């Protein structure tokens, strides 16, 4: 029997702790694809958009659906919007001007030049982690590769990256008490309201970024931080606030998607041994498998837009100022686009998933890099593994925004050539 729609609560972080409620999205796609979701105060509720093509249409229509009021569920006043605005919280042309500052470092051809470095780093991570036999897969494997690649691109010294990523985790996971010193929906976080993600961790991360920026002003290098401190927008250098928000965004975005995709990919292969065996037999499927890992894991589950005028979506009236939330994790399981969507299929083709968004100006800047990292990690890892067993409970992030695995204890048996 179908559930009652008022039993579905996409506003609750707790509803996503045990698993992503795919059953809820399935019901909404079929019965109420423009669904009003009430929220606890001080928020006022939002429209949940769950069908693939509706999500695409909204992402492409920046005039009707704005990012400038924020892209998370939290409702912000004018002062908060101005203080916390980063590239993802802007509409064209402001978004486009900031994005152009860094786009050339993340094009397909630019990312291809990192291929050898990414593979070298993946091997180093596996050389260190796999021989331990029993370990936390997230801590030893998933987390390590993005950190190392991020250090290379941004120019953050290797010894500082763990601290930066720890602070980035605390910002993006501000609803999870393991990471955040101030849990956004359980504690008074008003003193942090002008900080990115309303998180106290932003203070430390921005302070670190200031120090790094000063070093690059004195001694420029071939890295992203140098590019940011030297960049000009309309003839002016980035303000301190613009640099702060850009730096925080890059630290978070450069780590989260790839790390969680690798964790979800390994989990999926363990749960689908036929697909693992298929990859062993047909390693040429790895590029397709990487795309399926991204679809199946959907690390970023939603983004919010705000309606700029009264409009209709199907037969539903959306009012100016209403929050409109596009659920990528639902679009990625839309049977109209992905037959047998809940089946993990390493040979799925075509696979037009929206793990990085879908159309419009806000498609993920680092999509090519994330694809490279996921593909290379599994190309290097799977030939070394005779088996991998999950040995304890998997702990998930308390978040309705990031589909994250915090801890995944495993035991590995290596192939003969790996000892």
Protein backbone atom coordinates (compact mmCIF):
# COMPACT_ATOMS: atom_id res chain seq x y z
CA UNK A 1 0.00 0.00 0.00
CA UNK A 2 1.13 3.55 -0.69
CA UNK A 3 2.12 5.69 2.26
CA UNK A 4 0.36 8.89 3.17
CA UNK A 5 2.16 11.86 1.68
CA UNK A 6 1.98 13.74 4.96
CA UNK A 7 4.12 10.97 6.49
CA UNK A 8 7.03 12.05 4.30
CA UNK A 9 9.39 14.57 5.90
CA UNK A 10 12.25 15.68 3.67
CA UNK A 11 13.03 18.57 6.01
CA UNK A 12 14.30 16.24 8.74
CA UNK A 13 17.99 15.37 8.88
CA UNK A 14 17.07 12.34 10.96
CA UNK A 15 14.99 10.93 8.09
CA UNK A 16 18.25 10.37 6.17
CA UNK A 17 20.43 8.86 8.89
CA UNK A 18 19.63 5.18 8.29
CA UNK A 19 19.30 5.47 4.52
CA UNK A 20 18.14 7.78 1.77
CA UNK A 21 14.33 7.36 1.74
CA UNK A 22 14.08 6.28 -1.87
CA UNK A 23 10.59 5.00 -1.14
CA UNK A 24 9.49 8.56 -0.33
CA UNK A 25 10.91 9.97 -3.54
CA UNK A 26 9.31 7.16 -5.51
CA UNK A 27 5.91 8.06 -4.04
CA UNK A 28 6.40 11.75 -4.73
CA UNK A 29 7.49 11.27 -8.33
CA UNK A 30 4.42 9.16 -8.99
CA UNK A 31 1.78 10.99 -6.97
CA UNK A 32 2.90 14.53 -6.12
CA UNK A 33 5.95 15.69 -8.11
CA UNK A 34 5.53 19.29 -6.90
CA UNK A 35 5.07 18.52 -3.22
CA UNK A 36 4.65 21.06 -0.43
CA UNK A 37 6.92 20.10 2.45
CA UNK A 38 6.23 21.88 5.76
CA UNK A 39 9.23 22.75 7.92
CA UNK A 40 9.77 23.55 11.58
CA UNK A 41 10.02 27.24 12.45
CA UNK A 42 11.75 29.54 11.72
CA UNK A 43 11.55 28.16 8.16
CA UNK A 44 8.30 28.26 6.23
CA UNK A 45 8.32 25.13 4.06
CA UNK A 46 9.34 24.40 0.48
CA UNK A 47 8.22 22.84 -2.78
CA UNK A 48 9.99 19.50 -3.35
CA UNK A 49 10.65 18.84 -7.04
CA UNK A 50 11.38 15.16 -7.64
CA UNK A 51 11.11 14.36 -11.36
CA UNK A 52 14.22 14.47 -13.53
CA UNK A 53 12.92 16.70 -16.32
CA UNK A 54 11.27 19.16 -13.93
CA UNK A 55 14.59 19.52 -12.11
CA UNK A 56 16.39 20.18 -15.40
CA UNK A 57 13.88 22.84 -16.41
CA UNK A 58 14.22 24.67 -13.10
CA UNK A 59 18.02 24.62 -13.10
CA UNK A 60 18.09 26.14 -16.58
CA UNK A 61 15.60 28.92 -15.80
CA UNK A 62 17.66 31.23 -13.60
CA UNK A 63 15.32 34.16 -14.21
CA UNK A 64 12.37 32.38 -12.59
CA UNK A 65 14.33 30.32 -10.06
CA UNK A 66 17.05 32.28 -8.32
CA UNK A 67 20.08 31.09 -6.33
CA UNK A 68 20.62 34.51 -4.80
CA UNK A 69 18.60 33.80 -1.65
CA UNK A 70 20.77 30.80 -0.83
CA UNK A 71 20.95 27.22 -2.05
CA UNK A 72 20.32 25.42 1.25
CA UNK A 73 17.02 25.10 3.07
CA UNK A 74 17.90 27.73 5.65
CA UNK A 75 16.10 31.02 5.10
CA UNK A 76 18.36 34.06 5.36
CA UNK A 77 17.71 37.77 5.85
CA UNK A 78 19.36 40.39 3.62
CA UNK A 79 22.38 40.81 5.88
CA UNK A 80 23.00 37.06 5.98
CA UNK A 81 22.58 36.70 2.23
CA UNK A 82 25.15 39.42 1.57
CA UNK A 83 27.65 38.11 4.11
CA UNK A 84 27.50 34.49 3.07
CA UNK A 85 27.19 34.77 -0.71
CA UNK A 86 29.59 32.58 -2.63
CA UNK A 87 29.62 31.68 -6.29
CA UNK A 88 26.87 29.07 -5.85
CA UNK A 89 24.62 31.66 -4.15
CA UNK A 90 24.57 33.96 -7.18
CA UNK A 91 22.70 34.24 -10.46
CA UNK A 92 24.19 35.29 -13.78
CA UNK A 93 25.89 37.62 -14.51
CA UNK A 94 27.50 37.81 -11.03
CA UNK A 95 27.87 34.04 -10.87
CA UNK A 96 29.39 33.94 -14.34
CA UNK A 97 32.00 36.60 -13.56
CA UNK A 98 33.24 34.76 -10.47
CA UNK A 99 33.13 31.37 -12.13
CA UNK A 100 35.33 32.58 -14.97
CA UNK A 101 38.12 33.24 -12.46
CA UNK A 102 38.71 29.52 -12.00
CA UNK A 103 36.99 27.78 -14.91
CA UNK A 104 40.14 27.25 -16.94
CA UNK A 105 41.65 25.11 -14.18
CA UNK A 106 38.74 22.67 -14.32
CA UNK A 107 38.09 22.19 -18.04
CA UNK A 108 38.27 18.67 -19.44
CA UNK A 109 41.67 19.35 -21.03
CA UNK A 110 43.08 20.98 -17.89
CA UNK A 111 41.93 18.10 -15.70
CA UNK A 112 43.40 15.56 -18.13
CA UNK A 113 46.84 16.94 -17.27
CA UNK A 114 46.31 15.81 -13.68
CA UNK A 115 45.73 12.20 -14.75
CA UNK A 116 49.22 10.96 -13.93
CA UNK A 117 49.29 12.76 -10.59
CA UNK A 118 45.87 11.42 -9.58
CA UNK A 119 46.92 7.87 -10.42
CA UNK A 120 50.18 8.24 -8.51
CA UNK A 121 48.31 9.53 -5.45
CA UNK A 122 45.69 6.76 -5.66
CA UNK A 123 48.48 4.18 -5.62
CA UNK A 124 50.11 5.83 -2.61
CA UNK A 125 46.81 5.81 -0.72
CA UNK A 126 46.20 2.14 -1.51
CA UNK A 127 49.80 1.16 -0.72
CA UNK A 128 49.39 2.63 2.72
CA UNK A 129 45.82 1.62 3.51
CA UNK A 130 45.11 -1.82 2.05
CA UNK A 131 47.93 -3.74 3.80
CA UNK A 132 46.37 -2.88 7.17
CA UNK A 133 43.81 -5.60 6.49
CA UNK A 134 41.10 -4.17 8.73
CA UNK A 135 40.38 -0.45 8.76
CA UNK A 136 37.81 2.29 8.25
CA UNK A 137 37.45 2.52 4.48
CA UNK A 138 36.37 6.17 4.63
CA UNK A 139 39.31 7.31 6.74
CA UNK A 140 41.99 5.29 4.98
CA UNK A 141 40.85 5.30 1.35
CA UNK A 142 37.91 7.53 0.38
CA UNK A 143 39.03 10.59 2.28
CA UNK A 144 42.67 10.49 1.29
CA UNK A 145 42.65 10.84 -2.49
CA UNK A 146 40.56 14.05 -2.70
CA UNK A 147 42.69 15.63 0.02
CA UNK A 148 45.90 15.03 -1.91
CA UNK A 149 44.50 16.28 -5.21
CA UNK A 150 43.02 19.34 -3.53
CA UNK A 151 46.41 20.20 -2.03
CA UNK A 152 48.02 20.11 -5.46
CA UNK A 153 45.43 22.34 -7.12
CA UNK A 154 44.91 24.90 -4.36
CA UNK A 155 48.47 25.10 -3.15
CA UNK A 156 47.67 24.14 0.42
CA UNK A 157 50.67 22.40 2.02
CA UNK A 158 50.15 18.68 2.52
CA UNK A 159 50.53 18.97 6.27
CA UNK A 160 47.67 21.51 6.46
CA UNK A 161 45.11 19.66 4.35
CA UNK A 162 43.74 17.36 7.08
CA UNK A 163 42.98 20.41 9.20
CA UNK A 164 41.32 22.21 6.28
CA UNK A 165 39.19 19.20 5.38
CA UNK A 166 38.23 18.69 9.03
CA UNK A 167 36.98 22.27 9.15
CA UNK A 168 35.24 21.85 5.80
CA UNK A 169 33.49 18.76 7.12
CA UNK A 170 32.32 20.68 10.15
CA UNK A 171 30.82 23.38 7.93
CA UNK A 172 28.97 21.16 5.47
CA UNK A 173 27.92 18.67 8.17
CA UNK A 174 26.60 21.30 10.54
CA UNK A 175 23.63 19.05 11.43
CA UNK A 176 25.83 16.17 12.59
CA UNK A 177 27.09 16.33 16.20
CA UNK A 178 30.16 14.24 15.37
CA UNK A 179 31.47 17.07 13.19
CA UNK A 180 29.80 20.29 14.27
CA UNK A 181 30.35 22.18 17.50
CA UNK A 182 26.95 23.84 16.95
CA UNK A 183 24.26 21.59 15.46
CA UNK A 184 22.13 23.87 13.33
CA UNK A 185 18.69 22.40 14.08
CA UNK A 186 19.28 21.59 17.76
CA UNK A 187 21.25 24.51 19.19
CA UNK A 188 21.23 28.29 19.06
CA UNK A 189 23.55 29.15 16.19
CA UNK A 190 22.50 32.79 15.82
CA UNK A 191 25.99 34.07 16.62
CA UNK A 192 27.26 32.30 13.49
CA UNK A 193 24.51 33.51 11.18
CA UNK A 194 26.87 35.61 9.01
CA UNK A 195 29.29 32.72 8.42
CA UNK A 196 29.23 30.19 5.57
CA UNK A 197 26.82 27.35 6.37
CA UNK A 198 26.14 29.13 9.71
CA UNK A 199 29.10 27.25 11.13
CA UNK A 200 31.73 28.26 13.72
CA UNK A 201 34.29 26.21 11.78
CA UNK A 202 34.22 28.87 9.08
CA UNK A 203 36.06 31.29 11.38
CA UNK A 204 39.10 29.04 11.60
CA UNK A 205 39.03 28.10 7.92
CA UNK A 206 38.81 31.73 6.82
CA UNK A 207 41.64 32.70 9.16
CA UNK A 208 43.80 30.00 7.61
CA UNK A 209 42.84 31.21 4.14
CA UNK A 210 43.90 34.76 5.07
CA UNK A 211 47.35 33.54 6.04
CA UNK A 212 47.73 31.56 2.84
CA UNK A 213 46.59 34.55 0.77
CA UNK A 214 49.22 36.77 2.39
CA UNK A 215 51.90 34.22 1.56
CA UNK A 216 50.80 34.16 -2.08
CA UNK A 217 50.73 37.93 -2.34
CA UNK A 218 54.34 37.98 -1.18
CA UNK A 219 55.39 34.90 -3.16
CA UNK A 220 53.00 33.88 -5.97
CA UNK A 221 52.93 30.27 -7.11
CA UNK A 222 51.21 28.24 -9.82
CA UNK A 223 48.13 27.39 -7.76
CA UNK A 224 44.50 28.32 -7.27
CA UNK A 225 45.02 30.49 -4.19
CA UNK A 226 47.49 32.65 -6.11
CA UNK A 227 44.98 32.96 -8.90
CA UNK A 228 42.29 34.13 -6.46
CA UNK A 229 44.45 36.78 -4.79
CA UNK A 230 45.56 38.12 -8.17
CA UNK A 231 42.14 37.90 -9.83
CA UNK A 232 40.17 40.94 -10.85
CA UNK A 233 36.41 41.17 -11.39
CA UNK A 234 35.35 44.23 -13.37
CA UNK A 235 38.74 45.77 -12.71
CA UNK A 236 38.69 45.17 -8.96
CA UNK A 237 40.37 42.52 -6.82
CA UNK A 238 38.23 40.18 -4.77
CA UNK A 239 37.22 41.68 -1.46
CA UNK A 240 38.24 39.90 1.72
CA UNK A 241 34.72 38.57 2.13
CA UNK A 242 34.58 37.32 -1.47
CA UNK A 243 37.94 35.58 -1.04
CA UNK A 244 36.83 34.04 2.27
CA UNK A 245 33.63 32.61 0.84
CA UNK A 246 35.37 31.39 -2.32
CA UNK A 247 38.12 29.70 -0.32
CA UNK A 248 35.63 27.95 2.00
CA UNK A 249 33.53 26.80 -0.95
CA UNK A 250 36.51 25.31 -2.77
CA UNK A 251 37.74 23.43 0.30
CA UNK A 252 34.30 21.88 0.80
CA UNK A 253 33.46 21.23 -2.85
CA UNK A 254 36.89 19.81 -3.66
CA UNK A 255 36.50 17.07 -1.10
CA UNK A 256 32.90 16.10 -0.35
CA UNK A 257 31.52 14.76 -3.65
CA UNK A 258 34.50 12.59 -4.52
CA UNK A 259 35.00 11.17 -1.04
CA UNK A 260 31.38 10.13 -0.63
CA UNK A 261 31.15 8.80 -4.19
CA UNK A 262 34.12 6.48 -3.58
CA UNK A 263 32.56 5.23 -0.33
CA UNK A 264 29.16 4.64 -1.95
CA UNK A 265 30.82 2.96 -4.92
CA UNK A 266 32.64 0.44 -2.75
CA UNK A 267 29.50 -0.19 -0.72
CA UNK A 268 27.50 -0.77 -3.92
CA UNK A 269 30.06 -3.22 -5.31
CA UNK A 270 30.07 -5.22 -2.07
CA UNK A 271 26.28 -5.40 -2.18
CA UNK A 272 26.25 -6.32 -5.88
CA UNK A 273 28.96 -8.97 -6.29
CA UNK A 274 27.74 -9.74 -9.80
CA UNK A 275 28.64 -6.19 -10.82
CA UNK A 276 32.04 -6.45 -9.13
CA UNK A 277 32.70 -9.64 -11.07
CA UNK A 278 31.52 -7.97 -14.25
CA UNK A 279 34.10 -5.22 -13.76
CA UNK A 280 36.80 -7.83 -13.19
CA UNK A 281 35.86 -9.49 -16.45
CA UNK A 282 35.34 -6.26 -18.39
CA UNK A 283 37.65 -3.57 -16.96
CA UNK A 284 36.94 -1.44 -20.01
CA UNK A 285 33.57 -0.69 -18.37
CA UNK A 286 35.22 1.42 -15.69
CA UNK A 287 34.31 4.83 -17.22
CA UNK A 288 30.66 3.74 -17.27
CA UNK A 289 30.97 2.28 -13.79
CA UNK A 290 32.27 5.61 -12.45
CA UNK A 291 29.19 7.36 -13.83
CA UNK A 292 26.93 4.76 -12.24
CA UNK A 293 28.70 5.17 -8.91
CA UNK A 294 28.00 8.90 -9.08
CA UNK A 295 24.34 8.36 -9.99
CA UNK A 296 23.74 5.64 -7.45
CA UNK A 297 25.48 7.51 -4.63
CA UNK A 298 24.19 11.01 -5.46
CA UNK A 299 26.47 12.72 -2.91
CA UNK A 300 24.71 16.11 -3.06
CA UNK A 301 21.02 15.37 -2.59
CA UNK A 302 19.42 18.73 -3.25
CA UNK A 303 19.81 22.41 -3.98
CA UNK A 304 17.32 25.15 -3.32
CA UNK A 305 16.08 27.93 -5.58
CA UNK A 306 13.67 30.78 -4.85
CA UNK A 307 10.79 31.69 -7.17
CA UNK A 308 11.19 35.25 -8.49
CA UNK A 309 7.52 35.56 -9.50
CA UNK A 310 4.25 33.65 -9.31
CA UNK A 311 4.35 30.70 -11.70
CA UNK A 312 2.92 27.29 -12.48
CA UNK A 313 4.77 23.98 -12.27
CA UNK A 314 2.41 21.44 -13.79
CA UNK A 315 -0.92 22.29 -12.15
CA UNK A 316 0.61 23.73 -8.98
CA UNK A 317 0.85 27.46 -8.30
CA UNK A 318 4.18 28.55 -6.84
CA UNK A 319 4.24 32.02 -5.30
CA UNK A 320 6.98 34.61 -5.56
CA UNK A 321 9.45 34.06 -2.72
CA UNK A 322 8.61 30.37 -2.27
CA UNK A 323 11.53 27.99 -1.83
CA UNK A 324 11.75 25.45 -4.65
CA UNK A 325 14.04 22.52 -3.85
CA UNK A 326 15.31 20.25 -6.61
CA UNK A 327 16.16 16.77 -5.34
CA UNK A 328 19.00 15.39 -7.45
CA UNK A 329 18.87 12.12 -5.54
CA UNK A 330 15.28 11.66 -6.73
CA UNK A 331 16.00 12.68 -10.31
CA UNK A 332 18.80 10.12 -10.40
CA UNK A 333 16.28 7.39 -9.59
CA UNK A 334 13.55 8.53 -11.98
CA UNK A 335 12.39 5.42 -13.86
CA UNK A 336 11.34 7.57 -16.82
CA UNK A 337 15.02 8.29 -17.44
CA UNK A 338 16.82 5.37 -15.75
CA UNK A 339 15.14 1.99 -16.33
CA UNK A 340 15.45 -0.27 -13.28
CA UNK A 341 16.76 2.78 -11.49
CA UNK A 342 17.28 1.13 -8.11
CA UNK A 343 19.53 -1.49 -9.70
CA UNK A 344 23.27 -0.80 -9.61
CA UNK A 345 24.49 -1.43 -13.18
CA UNK A 346 28.16 -0.76 -14.01
CA UNK A 347 27.35 -0.93 -17.72
CA UNK A 348 24.45 1.55 -17.63
CA UNK A 349 24.48 3.51 -20.86
CA UNK A 350 23.21 6.15 -21.41
CA UNK A 351 23.50 7.57 -17.93
CA UNK A 352 22.61 11.30 -17.92
CA UNK A 353 22.72 11.53 -14.13
CA UNK A 354 22.55 14.79 -12.21
CA UNK A 355 25.14 14.13 -9.52
CA UNK A 356 26.77 17.38 -10.66
CA UNK A 357 23.55 19.22 -11.39
CA UNK A 358 22.00 19.13 -14.84
CA UNK A 359 22.10 22.02 -17.24
CA UNK A 360 22.15 25.69 -16.41
CA UNK A 361 25.08 27.79 -15.22
CA UNK A 362 25.56 26.02 -11.88
CA UNK A 363 26.74 22.63 -13.17
CA UNK A 364 29.51 21.53 -10.82
CA UNK A 365 32.80 23.23 -11.67
CA UNK A 366 34.81 20.20 -10.55
CA UNK A 367 32.79 17.54 -12.38
CA UNK A 368 35.63 16.45 -14.69
CA UNK A 369 38.05 16.21 -11.77
CA UNK A 370 35.64 14.20 -9.61
CA UNK A 371 35.00 11.79 -12.47
CA UNK A 372 38.74 11.32 -12.94
CA UNK A 373 39.35 10.66 -9.24
CA UNK A 374 36.51 8.15 -8.92
CA UNK A 375 37.49 6.25 -12.06
CA UNK A 376 41.20 6.12 -11.27
CA UNK A 377 40.65 5.03 -7.66
CA UNK A 378 38.59 2.02 -8.70
CA UNK A 379 40.89 1.20 -11.61
CA UNK A 380 43.77 1.01 -9.16
CA UNK A 381 41.93 -0.58 -6.24
CA UNK A 382 39.83 -3.41 -7.68
CA UNK A 383 42.74 -5.41 -9.20
CA UNK A 384 44.39 -5.45 -5.76
CA UNK A 385 41.33 -6.82 -3.94
CA UNK A 386 40.50 -10.48 -3.76
CA UNK A 387 37.63 -9.61 -1.43
CA UNK A 388 36.33 -6.82 0.77
CA UNK A 389 33.94 -7.47 3.65
CA UNK A 390 32.07 -4.86 5.64
CA UNK A 391 32.67 -5.84 9.26
CA UNK A 392 30.46 -3.50 11.25
CA UNK A 393 27.69 -0.94 11.09
CA UNK A 394 28.00 1.75 8.46
CA UNK A 395 27.59 5.19 10.00
CA UNK A 396 25.91 7.78 7.79
CA UNK A 397 26.03 11.53 7.98
CA UNK A 398 23.10 13.19 9.71
CA UNK A 399 22.13 15.38 6.78
CA UNK A 400 19.37 15.82 4.24
CA UNK A 401 21.83 17.76 2.06
CA UNK A 402 24.90 15.54 1.73
CA UNK A 403 24.51 11.79 1.20
CA UNK A 404 27.58 10.87 3.17
CA UNK A 405 29.09 7.79 4.75
CA UNK A 406 31.14 8.74 7.83
CA UNK A 407 32.53 5.35 8.76
CA UNK A 408 32.64 1.98 7.00
CA UNK A 409 34.72 -0.70 8.79
CA UNK A 410 36.08 -3.29 6.37
CA UNK A 411 38.32 -6.33 6.15
CA UNK A 412 40.21 -6.89 2.91
CA UNK A 413 41.94 -9.87 1.36
CA UNK A 414 44.47 -8.89 -1.25
CA UNK A 415 45.23 -10.68 -4.48
CA UNK A 416 48.35 -12.83 -4.60
CA UNK A 417 50.46 -10.16 -6.26
CA UNK A 418 49.55 -7.81 -3.42
CA UNK A 419 50.65 -10.24 -0.76
